[in-house]
Amino acid sequence: MKQRVRAVLLTDHVTMLVINRIRPGIPPYQVLVGGGVEDEDTSHKAALLREIREEIAGEATDLDPFYELTNDRGETEYFYTARISTWNFDDRTGPEFSRDDRGEYLLEEVPLTSDAVGALNLMPPEIKTTILDALEKGTLLTAA
């Protein structure tokens, strides 16, 4: 079964990076940076670092396991927290960005507050709940 990796990318500005997805006929929603683990990836962390380079031309550090779930397609998704201080969304190279049928991808910095995260339509919903719980407990801000 396919495995996926995603990152709660924490910035020096006490924000996190999300990608706004705008697709025809679907209400806008947000996802965390990441994607599928490829055969050539030597580990989940290697896959995530590759995805971060492809999707936002960024380099992350301090990757720590955060949450794991099995999605409705039977895929295991591994979520990590990570620190990121530089990125350039204009230099993204992921194959999904060259397809016209995929809609828009817009990068956004979201304040690490319960109100800001709570206002997101973050997918999958379980990760939004997990991030909100970590904010309430103070454990996510410790990582930031």
C-alpha atoms as a PDB file:
ATOM      1  CA  MET A   1       0.000   0.000   0.000  1.00  0.00           C
ATOM      2  CA  LYS A   2       1.185   3.537  -0.760  1.00  0.00           C
ATOM      3  CA  GLN A   3       2.760   5.517   2.073  1.00  0.00           C
ATOM      4  CA  ARG A   4       2.657   9.291   2.376  1.00  0.00           C
ATOM      5  CA  VAL A   5       4.644  11.822   4.387  1.00  0.00           C
ATOM      6  CA  ARG A   6       3.653  15.352   5.358  1.00  0.00           C
ATOM      7  CA  ALA A   7       5.186  18.112   7.465  1.00  0.00           C
ATOM      8  CA  VAL A   8       3.879  20.638   9.931  1.00  0.00           C
ATOM      9  CA  LEU A   9       6.477  23.186   8.799  1.00  0.00           C
ATOM     10  CA  LEU A  10       7.174  25.601  11.636  1.00  0.00           C
ATOM     11  CA  THR A  11       8.738  28.952  10.732  1.00  0.00           C
ATOM     12  CA  ASP A  12      10.805  31.429  12.729  1.00  0.00           C
ATOM     13  CA  HIS A  13       7.733  33.725  12.690  1.00  0.00           C
ATOM     14  CA  VAL A  14       5.670  31.311  14.856  1.00  0.00           C
ATOM     15  CA  THR A  15       3.643  30.287  11.822  1.00  0.00           C
ATOM     16  CA  MET A  16       3.211  27.095   9.851  1.00  0.00           C
ATOM     17  CA  LEU A  17       3.149  26.670   6.101  1.00  0.00           C
ATOM     18  CA  VAL A  18       0.094  25.229   4.353  1.00  0.00           C
ATOM     19  CA  ILE A  19      -0.805  24.878   0.705  1.00  0.00           C
ATOM     20  CA  ASN A  20      -4.198  26.230  -0.270  1.00  0.00           C
ATOM     21  CA  ARG A  21      -5.812  23.997  -2.880  1.00  0.00           C
ATOM     22  CA  ILE A  22      -8.307  25.597  -5.209  1.00  0.00           C
ATOM     23  CA  ARG A  23      -9.983  23.174  -7.571  1.00  0.00           C
ATOM     24  CA  PRO A  24     -13.047  23.681  -9.756  1.00  0.00           C
ATOM     25  CA  GLY A  25     -16.255  22.472  -8.158  1.00  0.00           C
ATOM     26  CA  ILE A  26     -14.685  21.792  -4.751  1.00  0.00           C
ATOM     27  CA  PRO A  27     -14.604  24.188  -1.777  1.00  0.00           C
ATOM     28  CA  PRO A  28     -11.045  25.454  -1.135  1.00  0.00           C
ATOM     29  CA  TYR A  29      -9.056  23.416   1.360  1.00  0.00           C
ATOM     30  CA  GLN A  30      -5.533  23.304   2.786  1.00  0.00           C
ATOM     31  CA  VAL A  31      -2.937  20.538   2.948  1.00  0.00           C
ATOM     32  CA  LEU A  32       0.457  20.232   4.546  1.00  0.00           C
ATOM     33  CA  VAL A  33       3.542  20.003   2.357  1.00  0.00           C
ATOM     34  CA  GLY A  34       4.381  16.419   1.473  1.00  0.00           C
ATOM     35  CA  GLY A  35       3.416  13.522  -0.740  1.00  0.00           C
ATOM     36  CA  GLY A  36       4.052   9.939  -1.637  1.00  0.00           C
ATOM     37  CA  VAL A  37       7.058   7.892  -0.604  1.00  0.00           C
ATOM     38  CA  GLU A  38       8.893   6.754  -3.758  1.00  0.00           C
ATOM     39  CA  ASP A  39      10.860   3.523  -4.200  1.00  0.00           C
ATOM     40  CA  GLU A  40      14.132   5.472  -4.419  1.00  0.00           C
ATOM     41  CA  ASP A  41      13.528   7.224  -1.062  1.00  0.00           C
ATOM     42  CA  THR A  42      15.773   5.694   1.599  1.00  0.00           C
ATOM     43  CA  SER A  43      13.453   6.603   4.497  1.00  0.00           C
ATOM     44  CA  HIS A  44      10.307   8.506   5.351  1.00  0.00           C
ATOM     45  CA  LYS A  45      12.432  11.494   6.340  1.00  0.00           C
ATOM     46  CA  ALA A  46      14.304  11.369   3.017  1.00  0.00           C
ATOM     47  CA  ALA A  47      10.971  11.282   1.178  1.00  0.00           C
ATOM     48  CA  LEU A  48       9.708  14.254   3.158  1.00  0.00           C
ATOM     49  CA  LEU A  49      12.855  16.303   2.557  1.00  0.00           C
ATOM     50  CA  ARG A  50      12.527  15.557  -1.182  1.00  0.00           C
ATOM     51  CA  GLU A  51       8.871  16.627  -1.165  1.00  0.00           C
ATOM     52  CA  ILE A  52       9.717  19.858   0.686  1.00  0.00           C
ATOM     53  CA  ARG A  53      12.381  20.646  -1.935  1.00  0.00           C
ATOM     54  CA  GLU A  54       9.972  19.871  -4.782  1.00  0.00           C
ATOM     55  CA  GLU A  55       6.897  21.636  -3.420  1.00  0.00           C
ATOM     56  CA  ILE A  56       8.341  24.795  -1.873  1.00  0.00           C
ATOM     57  CA  ALA A  57      12.053  24.778  -2.764  1.00  0.00           C
ATOM     58  CA  GLY A  58      12.808  24.677   0.949  1.00  0.00           C
ATOM     59  CA  GLU A  59      15.169  22.900   3.301  1.00  0.00           C
ATOM     60  CA  ALA A  60      13.777  21.669   6.594  1.00  0.00           C
ATOM     61  CA  THR A  61      15.570  20.624   9.763  1.00  0.00           C
ATOM     62  CA  ASP A  62      14.652  18.977  13.046  1.00  0.00           C
ATOM     63  CA  LEU A  63      12.161  16.483  11.616  1.00  0.00           C
ATOM     64  CA  ASP A  64      10.306  14.722  14.419  1.00  0.00           C
ATOM     65  CA  PRO A  65       7.451  12.202  14.189  1.00  0.00           C
ATOM     66  CA  PHE A  66       4.158  13.887  15.086  1.00  0.00           C
ATOM     67  CA  TYR A  67       1.189  11.742  14.027  1.00  0.00           C
ATOM     68  CA  GLU A  68       0.303   8.682  11.950  1.00  0.00           C
ATOM     69  CA  LEU A  69      -2.976   7.700  10.361  1.00  0.00           C
ATOM     70  CA  THR A  70      -4.464   5.398   7.754  1.00  0.00           C
ATOM     71  CA  ASN A  71      -6.516   7.397   5.267  1.00  0.00           C
ATOM     72  CA  ASP A  72      -9.764   6.343   3.568  1.00  0.00           C
ATOM     73  CA  ARG A  73      -7.764   4.871   0.652  1.00  0.00           C
ATOM     74  CA  GLY A  74      -5.871   2.542   3.011  1.00  0.00           C
ATOM     75  CA  GLU A  75      -2.630   4.556   2.729  1.00  0.00           C
ATOM     76  CA  THR A  76      -0.513   5.181   5.811  1.00  0.00           C
ATOM     77  CA  GLU A  77       0.302   8.858   6.290  1.00  0.00           C
ATOM     78  CA  TYR A  78       3.244   9.871   8.475  1.00  0.00           C
ATOM     79  CA  PHE A  79       3.221  13.433   9.771  1.00  0.00           C
ATOM     80  CA  TYR A  80       6.322  15.160  11.113  1.00  0.00           C
ATOM     81  CA  THR A  81       7.035  18.508  12.674  1.00  0.00           C
ATOM     82  CA  ALA A  82       9.968  20.322  11.119  1.00  0.00           C
ATOM     83  CA  ARG A  83      11.655  23.695  11.255  1.00  0.00           C
ATOM     84  CA  ILE A  84      11.972  25.727   8.085  1.00  0.00           C
ATOM     85  CA  SER A  85      13.564  29.144   7.681  1.00  0.00           C
ATOM     86  CA  THR A  86      13.884  29.488   3.900  1.00  0.00           C
ATOM     87  CA  TRP A  87      11.663  28.526   1.006  1.00  0.00           C
ATOM     88  CA  ASN A  88      10.766  29.882  -2.416  1.00  0.00           C
ATOM     89  CA  PHE A  89       7.374  28.795  -3.701  1.00  0.00           C
ATOM     90  CA  ASP A  90       8.168  30.265  -7.127  1.00  0.00           C
ATOM     91  CA  ASP A  91      10.969  27.702  -7.522  1.00  0.00           C
ATOM     92  CA  ARG A  92       8.825  24.627  -6.811  1.00  0.00           C
ATOM     93  CA  THR A  93       9.417  21.691  -9.130  1.00  0.00           C
ATOM     94  CA  GLY A  94       6.907  18.985  -8.217  1.00  0.00           C
ATOM     95  CA  PRO A  95       5.238  17.267 -11.177  1.00  0.00           C
ATOM     96  CA  GLU A  96       1.751  18.180  -9.933  1.00  0.00           C
ATOM     97  CA  PHE A  97       2.437  21.866 -10.580  1.00  0.00           C
ATOM     98  CA  SER A  98       2.779  21.390 -14.334  1.00  0.00           C
ATOM     99  CA  ARG A  99      -0.656  19.813 -14.768  1.00  0.00           C
ATOM    100  CA  ASP A 100      -3.506  22.120 -15.782  1.00  0.00           C
ATOM    101  CA  ASP A 101      -6.165  19.768 -14.406  1.00  0.00           C
ATOM    102  CA  ARG A 102      -4.917  19.995 -10.782  1.00  0.00           C
ATOM    103  CA  GLY A 103      -6.210  23.480  -9.960  1.00  0.00           C
ATOM    104  CA  GLU A 104      -4.249  26.085  -8.028  1.00  0.00           C
ATOM    105  CA  TYR A 105      -1.638  25.689  -5.313  1.00  0.00           C
ATOM    106  CA  LEU A 106      -1.100  28.754  -3.100  1.00  0.00           C
ATOM    107  CA  LEU A 107       1.364  28.793  -0.216  1.00  0.00           C
ATOM    108  CA  GLU A 108       0.279  30.510   3.001  1.00  0.00           C
ATOM    109  CA  GLU A 109       1.834  31.183   6.396  1.00  0.00           C
ATOM    110  CA  VAL A 110      -0.719  30.541   9.114  1.00  0.00           C
ATOM    111  CA  PRO A 111      -0.218  31.871  12.654  1.00  0.00           C
ATOM    112  CA  LEU A 112       0.219  29.103  15.219  1.00  0.00           C
ATOM    113  CA  THR A 113      -2.916  30.008  17.125  1.00  0.00           C
ATOM    114  CA  SER A 114      -6.016  27.969  17.798  1.00  0.00           C
ATOM    115  CA  ASP A 115      -8.156  30.568  16.025  1.00  0.00           C
ATOM    116  CA  ALA A 116      -6.046  30.614  12.848  1.00  0.00           C
ATOM    117  CA  VAL A 117      -5.643  26.834  12.643  1.00  0.00           C
ATOM    118  CA  GLY A 118      -9.298  26.313  13.589  1.00  0.00           C
ATOM    119  CA  ALA A 119     -10.393  28.490  10.656  1.00  0.00           C
ATOM    120  CA  LEU A 120      -8.611  26.243   8.142  1.00  0.00           C
ATOM    121  CA  ASN A 121     -10.285  23.548   6.060  1.00  0.00           C
ATOM    122  CA  LEU A 122      -7.169  21.427   6.629  1.00  0.00           C
ATOM    123  CA  MET A 123      -7.143  17.954   5.151  1.00  0.00           C
ATOM    124  CA  PRO A 124      -7.251  15.345   6.425  1.00  0.00           C
ATOM    125  CA  PRO A 125      -9.470  16.581   9.282  1.00  0.00           C
ATOM    126  CA  GLU A 126      -7.647  14.383  11.825  1.00  0.00           C
ATOM    127  CA  ILE A 127      -4.442  16.372  11.415  1.00  0.00           C
ATOM    128  CA  LYS A 128      -6.241  19.639  12.117  1.00  0.00           C
ATOM    129  CA  THR A 129      -7.594  18.162  15.358  1.00  0.00           C
ATOM    130  CA  THR A 130      -4.143  16.844  16.272  1.00  0.00           C
ATOM    131  CA  ILE A 131      -2.489  20.226  15.626  1.00  0.00           C
ATOM    132  CA  LEU A 132      -5.161  22.008  17.682  1.00  0.00           C
ATOM    133  CA  ASP A 133      -4.646  19.534  20.548  1.00  0.00           C
ATOM    134  CA  ALA A 134      -0.865  20.095  20.421  1.00  0.00           C
ATOM    135  CA  LEU A 135      -1.380  23.875  20.447  1.00  0.00           C
ATOM    136  CA  GLU A 136      -3.678  23.593  23.467  1.00  0.00           C
ATOM    137  CA  LYS A 137      -1.130  21.444  25.327  1.00  0.00           C
ATOM    138  CA  GLY A 138       1.738  23.730  24.302  1.00  0.00           C
ATOM    139  CA  THR A 139       3.711  20.929  22.698  1.00  0.00           C
ATOM    140  CA  LEU A 140       3.631  22.314  19.151  1.00  0.00           C
ATOM    141  CA  LEU A 141       4.893  25.741  20.230  1.00  0.00           C
ATOM    142  CA  THR A 142       7.751  24.008  22.049  1.00  0.00           C
ATOM    143  CA  ALA A 143       8.831  22.544  18.693  1.00  0.00           C
ATOM    144  CA  ALA A 144       8.509  25.998  17.095  1.00  0.00           C
END
